[in-house]
PDB file of N, CA and C in Angstrom:
ATOM      1  N   MET A   1      -6.537  -4.179 -16.750  1.00  0.00           N
ATOM      2  CA  MET A   1      -8.139  -4.122 -16.240  1.00  0.00           C
ATOM      3  C   MET A   1      -7.760  -2.889 -15.924  1.00  0.00           C
ATOM      4  N   PRO A   2      -9.527  -1.616 -14.722  1.00  0.00           N
ATOM      5  CA  PRO A   2      -9.336  -0.684 -15.287  1.00  0.00           C
ATOM      6  C   PRO A   2      -8.134   0.010 -13.635  1.00  0.00           C
ATOM      7  N   LYS A   3      -8.990   0.912 -13.440  1.00  0.00           N
ATOM      8  CA  LYS A   3      -7.642   1.812 -12.469  1.00  0.00           C
ATOM      9  C   LYS A   3      -8.974   1.515 -10.714  1.00  0.00           C
ATOM     10  N   LEU A   4      -8.093   1.737 -10.201  1.00  0.00           N
ATOM     11  CA  LEU A   4      -8.905   1.833  -8.262  1.00  0.00           C
ATOM     12  C   LEU A   4     -10.364   3.268  -8.777  1.00  0.00           C
ATOM     13  N   PRO A   5     -11.295   2.848  -7.623  1.00  0.00           N
ATOM     14  CA  PRO A   5     -12.199   3.799  -8.193  1.00  0.00           C
ATOM     15  C   PRO A   5     -11.866   5.131  -6.967  1.00  0.00           C
ATOM     16  N   ASN A   6     -12.030   6.284  -7.580  1.00  0.00           N
ATOM     17  CA  ASN A   6     -11.812   7.261  -6.797  1.00  0.00           C
ATOM     18  C   ASN A   6     -11.207   7.650  -6.243  1.00  0.00           C
ATOM     19  N   VAL A   7     -10.093   7.020  -7.313  1.00  0.00           N
ATOM     20  CA  VAL A   7      -8.455   7.028  -6.820  1.00  0.00           C
ATOM     21  C   VAL A   7      -8.382   8.451  -6.093  1.00  0.00           C
ATOM     22  N   GLU A   8      -8.328   9.644  -6.377  1.00  0.00           N
ATOM     23  CA  GLU A   8      -8.582  10.852  -6.014  1.00  0.00           C
ATOM     24  C   GLU A   8      -8.697  10.892  -4.499  1.00  0.00           C
ATOM     25  N   SER A   9      -9.873   9.738  -4.203  1.00  0.00           N
ATOM     26  CA  SER A   9     -10.206  10.378  -2.756  1.00  0.00           C
ATOM     27  C   SER A   9      -9.388   9.648  -1.617  1.00  0.00           C
ATOM     28  N   ALA A  10      -8.839   8.191  -2.350  1.00  0.00           N
ATOM     29  CA  ALA A  10      -8.590   7.964  -1.258  1.00  0.00           C
ATOM     30  C   ALA A  10      -6.809   8.204   0.211  1.00  0.00           C
ATOM     31  N   VAL A  11      -7.368   7.017   0.826  1.00  0.00           N
ATOM     32  CA  VAL A  11      -6.818   8.172   1.915  1.00  0.00           C
ATOM     33  C   VAL A  11      -6.523   5.784   2.688  1.00  0.00           C
ATOM     34  N   VAL A  12      -4.998   6.526   4.050  1.00  0.00           N
ATOM     35  CA  VAL A  12      -3.882   6.015   3.624  1.00  0.00           C
ATOM     36  C   VAL A  12      -3.810   6.415   5.711  1.00  0.00           C
ATOM     37  N   ALA A  13      -4.758   6.098   6.150  1.00  0.00           N
ATOM     38  CA  ALA A  13      -4.318   6.045   7.494  1.00  0.00           C
ATOM     39  C   ALA A  13      -2.776   6.195   8.375  1.00  0.00           C
ATOM     40  N   GLU A  14      -2.813   6.819   8.904  1.00  0.00           N
ATOM     41  CA  GLU A  14      -1.711   7.922   9.872  1.00  0.00           C
ATOM     42  C   GLU A  14      -1.469   6.255  10.984  1.00  0.00           C
ATOM     43  N   ARG A  15      -2.546   6.073  11.803  1.00  0.00           N
ATOM     44  CA  ARG A  15      -2.835   3.951  12.234  1.00  0.00           C
ATOM     45  C   ARG A  15      -1.674   3.191  11.088  1.00  0.00           C
ATOM     46  N   LYS A  16      -1.939   3.356  10.512  1.00  0.00           N
ATOM     47  CA  LYS A  16      -2.001   1.911   9.369  1.00  0.00           C
ATOM     48  C   LYS A  16      -0.236   2.623   9.125  1.00  0.00           C
ATOM     49  N   LEU A  17       0.004   3.305   9.462  1.00  0.00           N
ATOM     50  CA  LEU A  17       2.022   3.626   8.620  1.00  0.00           C
ATOM     51  C   LEU A  17       2.317   3.350  10.137  1.00  0.00           C
ATOM     52  N   ARG A  18       2.157   4.163  11.196  1.00  0.00           N
ATOM     53  CA  ARG A  18       2.830   4.151  12.291  1.00  0.00           C
ATOM     54  C   ARG A  18       2.704   2.544  12.960  1.00  0.00           C
ATOM     55  N   HIS A  19       1.355   2.137  13.206  1.00  0.00           N
ATOM     56  CA  HIS A  19       1.158   1.239  14.629  1.00  0.00           C
ATOM     57  C   HIS A  19       1.491  -0.576  13.376  1.00  0.00           C
ATOM     58  N   TYR A  20       1.459  -0.139  11.833  1.00  0.00           N
ATOM     59  CA  TYR A  20       1.871  -1.521  11.370  1.00  0.00           C
ATOM     60  C   TYR A  20       2.011  -1.645  10.857  1.00  0.00           C
ATOM     61  N   LEU A  21       2.876  -0.784   9.065  1.00  0.00           N
ATOM     62  CA  LEU A  21       4.012  -1.110   8.289  1.00  0.00           C
ATOM     63  C   LEU A  21       5.059  -0.232   9.338  1.00  0.00           C
ATOM     64  N   PHE A  22       5.284   0.682  10.005  1.00  0.00           N
ATOM     65  CA  PHE A  22       6.641   0.817  10.522  1.00  0.00           C
ATOM     66  C   PHE A  22       6.397   0.479  12.461  1.00  0.00           C
ATOM     67  N   ASP A  23       5.466  -0.643  13.009  1.00  0.00           N
ATOM     68  CA  ASP A  23       5.563  -1.473  13.716  1.00  0.00           C
ATOM     69  C   ASP A  23       6.786  -3.011  13.854  1.00  0.00           C
ATOM     70  N   HIS A  24       7.675  -2.400  14.776  1.00  0.00           N
ATOM     71  CA  HIS A  24       8.519  -3.904  14.533  1.00  0.00           C
ATOM     72  C   HIS A  24       7.933  -4.731  15.530  1.00  0.00           C
ATOM     73  N   GLU A  25       7.030  -4.641  16.196  1.00  0.00           N
ATOM     74  CA  GLU A  25       6.684  -5.341  17.429  1.00  0.00           C
ATOM     75  C   GLU A  25       5.394  -5.899  17.115  1.00  0.00           C
ATOM     76  N   HIS A  26       4.863  -5.434  15.847  1.00  0.00           N
ATOM     77  CA  HIS A  26       2.924  -6.214  14.592  1.00  0.00           C
ATOM     78  C   HIS A  26       3.859  -7.320  14.352  1.00  0.00           C
ATOM     79  N   PRO A  27       2.787  -8.131  15.026  1.00  0.00           N
ATOM     80  CA  PRO A  27       3.956  -9.782  13.712  1.00  0.00           C
ATOM     81  C   PRO A  27       3.480  -9.798  12.804  1.00  0.00           C
ATOM     82  N   GLU A  28       2.972  -8.606  12.275  1.00  0.00           N
ATOM     83  CA  GLU A  28       2.571  -8.781  10.611  1.00  0.00           C
ATOM     84  C   GLU A  28       3.131  -7.476  10.086  1.00  0.00           C
ATOM     85  N   GLY A  29       3.510  -6.134  11.046  1.00  0.00           N
ATOM     86  CA  GLY A  29       4.183  -5.476  10.430  1.00  0.00           C
ATOM     87  C   GLY A  29       5.827  -5.531  10.457  1.00  0.00           C
ATOM     88  N   ALA A  30       6.291  -5.981  11.029  1.00  0.00           N
ATOM     89  CA  ALA A  30       7.179  -6.047  11.431  1.00  0.00           C
ATOM     90  C   ALA A  30       8.217  -6.346  10.259  1.00  0.00           C
ATOM     91  N   PRO A  31       7.740  -7.541   9.425  1.00  0.00           N
ATOM     92  CA  PRO A  31       8.403  -7.968   8.320  1.00  0.00           C
ATOM     93  C   PRO A  31       8.773  -6.504   7.567  1.00  0.00           C
ATOM     94  N   LYS A  32       7.844  -5.859   7.160  1.00  0.00           N
ATOM     95  CA  LYS A  32       7.346  -5.322   6.620  1.00  0.00           C
ATOM     96  C   LYS A  32       8.194  -3.955   6.458  1.00  0.00           C
ATOM     97  N   ALA A  33       7.999  -4.046   8.151  1.00  0.00           N
ATOM     98  CA  ALA A  33       9.046  -2.382   8.246  1.00  0.00           C
ATOM     99  C   ALA A  33      10.379  -2.613   8.284  1.00  0.00           C
ATOM    100  N   ARG A  34      10.202  -3.700   8.180  1.00  0.00           N
ATOM    101  CA  ARG A  34      12.472  -3.839   7.266  1.00  0.00           C
ATOM    102  C   ARG A  34      12.017  -3.675   6.537  1.00  0.00           C
ATOM    103  N   PHE A  35      11.326  -4.280   5.349  1.00  0.00           N
ATOM    104  CA  PHE A  35      11.710  -4.278   3.781  1.00  0.00           C
ATOM    105  C   PHE A  35      11.446  -2.989   3.897  1.00  0.00           C
ATOM    106  N   LEU A  36      10.386  -2.226   3.671  1.00  0.00           N
ATOM    107  CA  LEU A  36      10.316  -0.558   4.242  1.00  0.00           C
ATOM    108  C   LEU A  36      11.663   0.145   4.711  1.00  0.00           C
ATOM    109  N   GLU A  37      11.614  -0.098   5.647  1.00  0.00           N
ATOM    110  CA  GLU A  37      13.253   1.075   5.672  1.00  0.00           C
ATOM    111  C   GLU A  37      14.819   0.281   4.924  1.00  0.00           C
ATOM    112  N   GLY A  38      14.695  -0.986   4.320  1.00  0.00           N
ATOM    113  CA  GLY A  38      15.781  -0.838   3.856  1.00  0.00           C
ATOM    114  C   GLY A  38      15.523  -0.455   1.677  1.00  0.00           C
ATOM    115  N   PHE A  39      14.349   0.062   2.171  1.00  0.00           N
ATOM    116  CA  PHE A  39      14.768   1.354   0.498  1.00  0.00           C
ATOM    117  C   PHE A  39      14.787   3.069   0.712  1.00  0.00           C
ATOM    118  N   GLY A  40      15.103   2.942   2.377  1.00  0.00           N
ATOM    119  CA  GLY A  40      14.795   4.209   2.866  1.00  0.00           C
ATOM    120  C   GLY A  40      14.038   5.105   3.167  1.00  0.00           C
ATOM    121  N   TYR A  41      12.542   4.084   3.511  1.00  0.00           N
ATOM    122  CA  TYR A  41      11.236   4.873   4.032  1.00  0.00           C
ATOM    123  C   TYR A  41      11.822   4.717   5.503  1.00  0.00           C
ATOM    124  N   SER A  42      11.285   5.196   6.806  1.00  0.00           N
ATOM    125  CA  SER A  42      11.157   5.321   8.049  1.00  0.00           C
ATOM    126  C   SER A  42      10.043   6.407   9.161  1.00  0.00           C
ATOM    127  N   VAL A  43       9.684   5.741   9.579  1.00  0.00           N
ATOM    128  CA  VAL A  43       8.350   6.377  10.800  1.00  0.00           C
ATOM    129  C   VAL A  43       8.687   7.802   9.678  1.00  0.00           C
ATOM    130  N   GLU A  44       9.745   8.536  10.965  1.00  0.00           N
ATOM    131  CA  GLU A  44       9.620   9.520  11.126  1.00  0.00           C
ATOM    132  C   GLU A  44       9.608  10.280   9.894  1.00  0.00           C
ATOM    133  N   ARG A  45       9.408  10.051   8.636  1.00  0.00           N
ATOM    134  CA  ARG A  45       8.746  10.682   7.753  1.00  0.00           C
ATOM    135  C   ARG A  45       7.720  10.168   6.203  1.00  0.00           C
ATOM    136  N   GLN A  46       7.055   8.763   7.389  1.00  0.00           N
ATOM    137  CA  GLN A  46       6.022   8.489   7.170  1.00  0.00           C
ATOM    138  C   GLN A  46       4.396   8.743   5.830  1.00  0.00           C
ATOM    139  N   ASP A  47       5.221  10.400   5.569  1.00  0.00           N
ATOM    140  CA  ASP A  47       4.127  10.843   4.790  1.00  0.00           C
ATOM    141  C   ASP A  47       5.461  10.856   3.029  1.00  0.00           C
ATOM    142  N   GLU A  48       5.896  10.817   3.163  1.00  0.00           N
ATOM    143  CA  GLU A  48       7.584   9.493   2.264  1.00  0.00           C
ATOM    144  C   GLU A  48       5.918   8.837   1.950  1.00  0.00           C
ATOM    145  N   LEU A  49       5.767   7.154   2.672  1.00  0.00           N
ATOM    146  CA  LEU A  49       4.886   6.523   1.896  1.00  0.00           C
ATOM    147  C   LEU A  49       4.576   6.879   1.378  1.00  0.00           C
ATOM    148  N   ARG A  50       3.485   7.509   2.676  1.00  0.00           N
ATOM    149  CA  ARG A  50       1.209   7.965   2.162  1.00  0.00           C
ATOM    150  C   ARG A  50       1.884   7.956   0.367  1.00  0.00           C
ATOM    151  N   THR A  51       2.455   9.697  -0.318  1.00  0.00           N
ATOM    152  CA  THR A  51       2.696  10.052  -1.210  1.00  0.00           C
ATOM    153  C   THR A  51       3.044   8.700  -2.044  1.00  0.00           C
ATOM    154  N   ALA A  52       3.593   7.976  -1.680  1.00  0.00           N
ATOM    155  CA  ALA A  52       4.392   6.641  -2.181  1.00  0.00           C
ATOM    156  C   ALA A  52       3.217   5.367  -2.450  1.00  0.00           C
ATOM    157  N   LEU A  53       2.914   5.640  -1.840  1.00  0.00           N
ATOM    158  CA  LEU A  53       1.066   4.044  -1.659  1.00  0.00           C
ATOM    159  C   LEU A  53       0.582   5.613  -2.824  1.00  0.00           C
ATOM    160  N   LEU A  54      -0.208   6.014  -2.614  1.00  0.00           N
ATOM    161  CA  LEU A  54      -1.158   7.210  -3.407  1.00  0.00           C
ATOM    162  C   LEU A  54      -1.050   7.308  -5.031  1.00  0.00           C
ATOM    163  N   ALA A  55       0.388   8.127  -5.111  1.00  0.00           N
ATOM    164  CA  ALA A  55       0.700   7.883  -6.304  1.00  0.00           C
ATOM    165  C   ALA A  55       0.900   6.205  -6.291  1.00  0.00           C
ATOM    166  N   HIS A  56       1.302   5.204  -5.806  1.00  0.00           N
ATOM    167  CA  HIS A  56       1.023   4.093  -6.470  1.00  0.00           C
ATOM    168  C   HIS A  56      -0.816   3.646  -7.158  1.00  0.00           C
ATOM    169  N   ALA A  57      -1.038   4.525  -6.732  1.00  0.00           N
ATOM    170  CA  ALA A  57      -3.098   3.779  -7.018  1.00  0.00           C
ATOM    171  C   ALA A  57      -3.278   4.446  -8.170  1.00  0.00           C
ATOM    172  N   VAL A  58      -2.814   5.608  -8.107  1.00  0.00           N
ATOM    173  CA  VAL A  58      -3.187   6.593  -9.376  1.00  0.00           C
ATOM    174  C   VAL A  58      -2.112   5.903 -10.534  1.00  0.00           C
ATOM    175  N   ALA A  59      -0.999   5.266 -10.539  1.00  0.00           N
ATOM    176  CA  ALA A  59      -0.193   5.054 -12.122  1.00  0.00           C
ATOM    177  C   ALA A  59      -0.719   3.704 -12.079  1.00  0.00           C
ATOM    178  N   HIS A  60      -1.379   2.689 -11.487  1.00  0.00           N
ATOM    179  CA  HIS A  60      -1.126   0.493 -11.434  1.00  0.00           C
ATOM    180  C   HIS A  60      -2.472   0.601 -11.876  1.00  0.00           C
ATOM    181  N   ASP A  61      -2.373  -0.259 -13.009  1.00  0.00           N
ATOM    182  CA  ASP A  61      -4.002  -0.804 -13.034  1.00  0.00           C
ATOM    183  C   ASP A  61      -4.763  -1.457 -11.515  1.00  0.00           C
ATOM    184  N   ILE A  62      -5.923  -2.284 -11.798  1.00  0.00           N
ATOM    185  CA  ILE A  62      -6.361  -3.433 -10.671  1.00  0.00           C
ATOM    186  C   ILE A  62      -5.421  -5.124 -10.807  1.00  0.00           C
ATOM    187  N   ASN A  63      -5.570  -5.476 -10.360  1.00  0.00           N
ATOM    188  CA  ASN A  63      -4.356  -6.842 -10.757  1.00  0.00           C
ATOM    189  C   ASN A  63      -5.822  -7.890 -10.204  1.00  0.00           C
ATOM    190  N   VAL A  64      -6.225  -7.776  -9.096  1.00  0.00           N
ATOM    191  CA  VAL A  64      -7.410  -8.244  -8.484  1.00  0.00           C
ATOM    192  C   VAL A  64      -8.282  -7.250  -8.243  1.00  0.00           C
ATOM    193  N   GLN A  65      -9.604  -8.006  -7.829  1.00  0.00           N
ATOM    194  CA  GLN A  65     -10.543  -7.394  -7.519  1.00  0.00           C
ATOM    195  C   GLN A  65     -11.982  -8.398  -7.110  1.00  0.00           C
ATOM    196  N   ARG A  66     -12.272  -8.311  -5.771  1.00  0.00           N
ATOM    197  CA  ARG A  66     -13.473  -9.617  -5.324  1.00  0.00           C
ATOM    198  C   ARG A  66     -13.069  -8.808  -4.393  1.00  0.00           C
ATOM    199  N   VAL A  67     -14.919  -9.356  -3.543  1.00  0.00           N
ATOM    200  CA  VAL A  67     -15.941  -8.887  -2.943  1.00  0.00           C
ATOM    201  C   VAL A  67     -16.138  -9.773  -1.559  1.00  0.00           C
ATOM    202  N   THR A  68     -15.740  -8.813  -0.371  1.00  0.00           N
ATOM    203  CA  THR A  68     -15.302  -9.850   0.446  1.00  0.00           C
ATOM    204  C   THR A  68     -17.295  -9.376   1.484  1.00  0.00           C
ATOM    205  N   GLU A  69     -17.109 -10.006   2.974  1.00  0.00           N
ATOM    206  CA  GLU A  69     -17.859  -9.854   3.511  1.00  0.00           C
ATOM    207  C   GLU A  69     -18.199  -7.651   4.444  1.00  0.00           C
ATOM    208  N   PHE A  70     -17.053  -7.115   4.122  1.00  0.00           N
ATOM    209  CA  PHE A  70     -16.815  -6.415   4.353  1.00  0.00           C
ATOM    210  C   PHE A  70     -16.764  -5.012   3.228  1.00  0.00           C
ATOM    211  N   GLY A  71     -16.167  -5.360   2.044  1.00  0.00           N
ATOM    212  CA  GLY A  71     -16.806  -4.549   0.666  1.00  0.00           C
ATOM    213  C   GLY A  71     -15.880  -5.357  -0.012  1.00  0.00           C
ATOM    214  N   ILE A  72     -15.489  -4.435  -0.801  1.00  0.00           N
ATOM    215  CA  ILE A  72     -15.173  -4.735  -2.495  1.00  0.00           C
ATOM    216  C   ILE A  72     -12.851  -4.506  -1.841  1.00  0.00           C
ATOM    217  N   LEU A  73     -12.353  -5.230  -2.178  1.00  0.00           N
ATOM    218  CA  LEU A  73     -10.972  -5.138  -2.156  1.00  0.00           C
ATOM    219  C   LEU A  73      -9.862  -5.771  -3.559  1.00  0.00           C
ATOM    220  N   TYR A  74      -9.661  -4.204  -3.907  1.00  0.00           N
ATOM    221  CA  TYR A  74      -9.250  -4.235  -5.366  1.00  0.00           C
ATOM    222  C   TYR A  74      -6.871  -4.295  -4.664  1.00  0.00           C
ATOM    223  N   GLU A  75      -6.430  -5.134  -5.518  1.00  0.00           N
ATOM    224  CA  GLU A  75      -5.225  -5.572  -5.327  1.00  0.00           C
ATOM    225  C   GLU A  75      -4.434  -4.691  -6.348  1.00  0.00           C
ATOM    226  N   LEU A  76      -3.376  -4.213  -6.024  1.00  0.00           N
ATOM    227  CA  LEU A  76      -2.331  -3.511  -7.812  1.00  0.00           C
ATOM    228  C   LEU A  76      -1.066  -3.770  -7.126  1.00  0.00           C
ATOM    229  N   ILE A  77      -0.197  -4.699  -8.584  1.00  0.00           N
ATOM    230  CA  ILE A  77       1.016  -4.775  -8.129  1.00  0.00           C
ATOM    231  C   ILE A  77       1.960  -3.831  -9.097  1.00  0.00           C
ATOM    232  N   GLY A  78       2.713  -3.010  -8.919  1.00  0.00           N
ATOM    233  CA  GLY A  78       3.359  -1.918  -9.762  1.00  0.00           C
ATOM    234  C   GLY A  78       5.106  -1.841  -8.648  1.00  0.00           C
ATOM    235  N   ARG A  79       6.072  -1.425  -9.464  1.00  0.00           N
ATOM    236  CA  ARG A  79       6.900  -0.429  -8.350  1.00  0.00           C
ATOM    237  C   ARG A  79       6.467   0.897  -6.615  1.00  0.00           C
ATOM    238  N   LEU A  80       7.085   1.000  -6.502  1.00  0.00           N
ATOM    239  CA  LEU A  80       6.653   1.843  -5.648  1.00  0.00           C
ATOM    240  C   LEU A  80       7.396   2.810  -5.562  1.00  0.00           C
ATOM    241  N   ALA A  81       7.246   4.441  -6.050  1.00  0.00           N
ATOM    242  CA  ALA A  81       8.919   4.756  -5.694  1.00  0.00           C
ATOM    243  C   ALA A  81       9.551   5.382  -4.260  1.00  0.00           C
ATOM    244  N   SER A  82      10.904   4.686  -3.881  1.00  0.00           N
ATOM    245  CA  SER A  82      10.794   4.554  -3.410  1.00  0.00           C
ATOM    246  C   SER A  82      12.003   6.272  -2.376  1.00  0.00           C
ATOM    247  N   PRO A  83      12.058   6.121  -1.421  1.00  0.00           N
ATOM    248  CA  PRO A  83      13.606   7.048  -1.158  1.00  0.00           C
ATOM    249  C   PRO A  83      14.902   6.901  -1.663  1.00  0.00           C
ATOM    250  N   ASP A  84      15.186   5.444  -1.596  1.00  0.00           N
ATOM    251  CA  ASP A  84      17.188   5.286  -2.023  1.00  0.00           C
ATOM    252  C   ASP A  84      16.994   4.829  -3.618  1.00  0.00           C
ATOM    253  N   GLY A  85      15.530   4.967  -4.324  1.00  0.00           N
ATOM    254  CA  GLY A  85      15.409   5.107  -5.921  1.00  0.00           C
ATOM    255  C   GLY A  85      15.699   3.805  -6.575  1.00  0.00           C
ATOM    256  N   ARG A  86      15.383   2.735  -6.077  1.00  0.00           N
ATOM    257  CA  ARG A  86      15.236   1.306  -6.792  1.00  0.00           C
ATOM    258  C   ARG A  86      13.610   0.857  -6.439  1.00  0.00           C
ATOM    259  N   ASN A  87      13.021   2.115  -5.867  1.00  0.00           N
ATOM    260  CA  ASN A  87      11.447   1.154  -5.949  1.00  0.00           C
ATOM    261  C   ASN A  87      10.868  -0.189  -6.441  1.00  0.00           C
ATOM    262  N   PRO A  88      10.783  -0.710  -5.219  1.00  0.00           N
ATOM    263  CA  PRO A  88      10.213  -2.362  -5.118  1.00  0.00           C
ATOM    264  C   PRO A  88       8.886  -2.194  -5.433  1.00  0.00           C
ATOM    265  N   VAL A  89       8.854  -3.669  -6.062  1.00  0.00           N
ATOM    266  CA  VAL A  89       7.277  -4.535  -6.697  1.00  0.00           C
ATOM    267  C   VAL A  89       7.445  -4.340  -5.719  1.00  0.00           C
ATOM    268  N   VAL A  90       5.641  -3.450  -5.284  1.00  0.00           N
ATOM    269  CA  VAL A  90       5.046  -4.119  -4.470  1.00  0.00           C
ATOM    270  C   VAL A  90       3.390  -4.275  -4.650  1.00  0.00           C
ATOM    271  N   ARG A  91       2.655  -5.120  -3.708  1.00  0.00           N
ATOM    272  CA  ARG A  91       0.972  -5.784  -4.058  1.00  0.00           C
ATOM    273  C   ARG A  91       0.346  -4.548  -3.025  1.00  0.00           C
ATOM    274  N   VAL A  92      -0.633  -3.829  -3.383  1.00  0.00           N
ATOM    275  CA  VAL A  92      -0.980  -2.481  -2.688  1.00  0.00           C
ATOM    276  C   VAL A  92      -2.327  -3.412  -2.445  1.00  0.00           C
ATOM    277  N   VAL A  93      -2.703  -3.094  -1.570  1.00  0.00           N
ATOM    278  CA  VAL A  93      -4.767  -3.368  -1.460  1.00  0.00           C
ATOM    279  C   VAL A  93      -5.180  -2.526  -0.144  1.00  0.00           C
ATOM    280  N   TRP A  94      -6.851  -2.440  -1.638  1.00  0.00           N
ATOM    281  CA  TRP A  94      -7.089  -1.158  -0.962  1.00  0.00           C
ATOM    282  C   TRP A  94      -8.508  -1.375  -0.960  1.00  0.00           C
ATOM    283  N   ILE A  95      -9.384  -0.879   0.069  1.00  0.00           N
ATOM    284  CA  ILE A  95     -10.888  -1.793   0.365  1.00  0.00           C
ATOM    285  C   ILE A  95     -11.963  -0.573  -0.226  1.00  0.00           C
ATOM    286  N   VAL A  96     -12.634  -0.590  -0.904  1.00  0.00           N
ATOM    287  CA  VAL A  96     -14.182   0.345  -0.703  1.00  0.00           C
ATOM    288  C   VAL A  96     -15.025  -0.798   0.052  1.00  0.00           C
ATOM    289  N   ASP A  97     -15.120  -0.317   1.696  1.00  0.00           N
ATOM    290  CA  ASP A  97     -16.194  -0.215   2.059  1.00  0.00           C
ATOM    291  C   ASP A  97     -17.416  -0.379   1.464  1.00  0.00           C
ATOM    292  N   HIS A  98     -19.068  -1.368   1.303  1.00  0.00           N
ATOM    293  CA  HIS A  98     -20.066  -1.927   1.345  1.00  0.00           C
ATOM    294  C   HIS A  98     -21.051  -0.818   1.460  1.00  0.00           C
ATOM    295  N   GLY A  99     -21.652   0.543   0.791  1.00  0.00           N
ATOM    296  CA  GLY A  99     -22.071   1.505   0.877  1.00  0.00           C
ATOM    297  C   GLY A  99     -21.133   2.776   0.676  1.00  0.00           C
ATOM    298  N   GLY A 100     -20.105   2.909   1.275  1.00  0.00           N
ATOM    299  CA  GLY A 100     -19.250   3.652   0.554  1.00  0.00           C
ATOM    300  C   GLY A 100     -18.458   3.612  -0.520  1.00  0.00           C
ATOM    301  N   SER A 101     -17.682   5.203  -1.107  1.00  0.00           N
ATOM    302  CA  SER A 101     -17.248   4.886  -2.523  1.00  0.00           C
ATOM    303  C   SER A 101     -15.586   5.125  -1.935  1.00  0.00           C
ATOM    304  N   VAL A 102     -15.324   5.440  -0.623  1.00  0.00           N
ATOM    305  CA  VAL A 102     -14.059   5.869  -0.834  1.00  0.00           C
ATOM    306  C   VAL A 102     -13.201   4.868  -0.078  1.00  0.00           C
ATOM    307  N   PRO A 103     -11.722   4.645  -1.480  1.00  0.00           N
ATOM    308  CA  PRO A 103     -10.617   3.760  -1.500  1.00  0.00           C
ATOM    309  C   PRO A 103      -9.938   3.756   0.300  1.00  0.00           C
ATOM    310  N   ARG A 104      -9.760   2.755   0.639  1.00  0.00           N
ATOM    311  CA  ARG A 104      -8.654   2.828   1.755  1.00  0.00           C
ATOM    312  C   ARG A 104      -7.219   2.192   2.539  1.00  0.00           C
ATOM    313  N   PHE A 105      -6.483   2.469   2.492  1.00  0.00           N
ATOM    314  CA  PHE A 105      -5.146   1.026   2.086  1.00  0.00           C
ATOM    315  C   PHE A 105      -5.565   0.250   3.095  1.00  0.00           C
ATOM    316  N   VAL A 106      -5.312  -1.132   2.943  1.00  0.00           N
ATOM    317  CA  VAL A 106      -5.658  -2.384   3.790  1.00  0.00           C
ATOM    318  C   VAL A 106      -3.974  -2.517   3.911  1.00  0.00           C
ATOM    319  N   THR A 107      -3.270  -3.275   3.488  1.00  0.00           N
ATOM    320  CA  THR A 107      -2.224  -3.180   3.164  1.00  0.00           C
ATOM    321  C   THR A 107      -0.527  -3.831   1.748  1.00  0.00           C
ATOM    322  N   LEU A 108      -0.062  -3.410   2.101  1.00  0.00           N
ATOM    323  CA  LEU A 108       1.351  -3.879   1.051  1.00  0.00           C
ATOM    324  C   LEU A 108       1.867  -4.937   1.487  1.00  0.00           C
ATOM    325  N   VAL A 109       2.148  -5.757   0.181  1.00  0.00           N
ATOM    326  CA  VAL A 109       3.256  -6.600   0.666  1.00  0.00           C
ATOM    327  C   VAL A 109       3.771  -6.406  -1.111  1.00  0.00           C
ATOM    328  N   PRO A 110       5.508  -7.238  -0.419  1.00  0.00           N
ATOM    329  CA  PRO A 110       6.474  -6.906  -1.035  1.00  0.00           C
ATOM    330  C   PRO A 110       6.301  -8.128  -1.721  1.00  0.00           C
ATOM    331  N   ASP A 111       6.592  -8.080  -3.309  1.00  0.00           N
ATOM    332  CA  ASP A 111       6.927  -9.164  -4.414  1.00  0.00           C
ATOM    333  C   ASP A 111       8.764  -9.417  -4.144  1.00  0.00           C
ATOM    334  N   HIS A 112       9.234 -10.429  -3.569  1.00  0.00           N
ATOM    335  CA  HIS A 112      10.059 -10.811  -3.136  1.00  0.00           C
ATOM    336  C   HIS A 112      10.964 -11.500  -4.364  1.00  0.00           C
ATOM    337  N   GLU A 113       9.683 -12.331  -4.634  1.00  0.00           N
ATOM    338  CA  GLU A 113      10.172 -12.641  -6.232  1.00  0.00           C
ATOM    339  C   GLU A 113      11.405 -11.856  -7.627  1.00  0.00           C
ATOM    340  N   ARG A 114      10.749 -10.381  -7.514  1.00  0.00           N
ATOM    341  CA  ARG A 114      11.374  -9.177  -8.188  1.00  0.00           C
ATOM    342  C   ARG A 114      11.940  -8.344  -7.812  1.00  0.00           C
ATOM    343  N   ASN A 115      12.369  -8.363  -6.253  1.00  0.00           N
ATOM    344  CA  ASN A 115      13.420  -6.965  -5.696  1.00  0.00           C
ATOM    345  C   ASN A 115      14.397  -7.645  -5.297  1.00  0.00           C
ATOM    346  N   PRO A 116      15.651  -6.453  -5.694  1.00  0.00           N
ATOM    347  CA  PRO A 116      17.218  -6.973  -5.064  1.00  0.00           C
ATOM    348  C   PRO A 116      16.987  -7.383  -3.880  1.00  0.00           C
TER     349      PRO A 116
END
């Protein structure tokens, strides 16, 4: 399959990192925070995760693409470079809003079957 469209313009909002992926109080984010911290990521160095997510988008092909009421969702599966070097396999979801062209980070889902 092809690459994420306009990947060079992709954005990862700070609130998605701080108030979702690294939020131990968030109902969906808390397990992801524990997962990411287990590979050496931290909220204090959230730019490391932003950089890794953008590199993941460049490195991996689209696995699933589907149209939603908000835009086109793209799922990419592959290894995410991590601070501890173990590089877990994750599914990263991006969206390009209807009428837009910039991919925005939506979520990251660990692939527990392929990770240590």
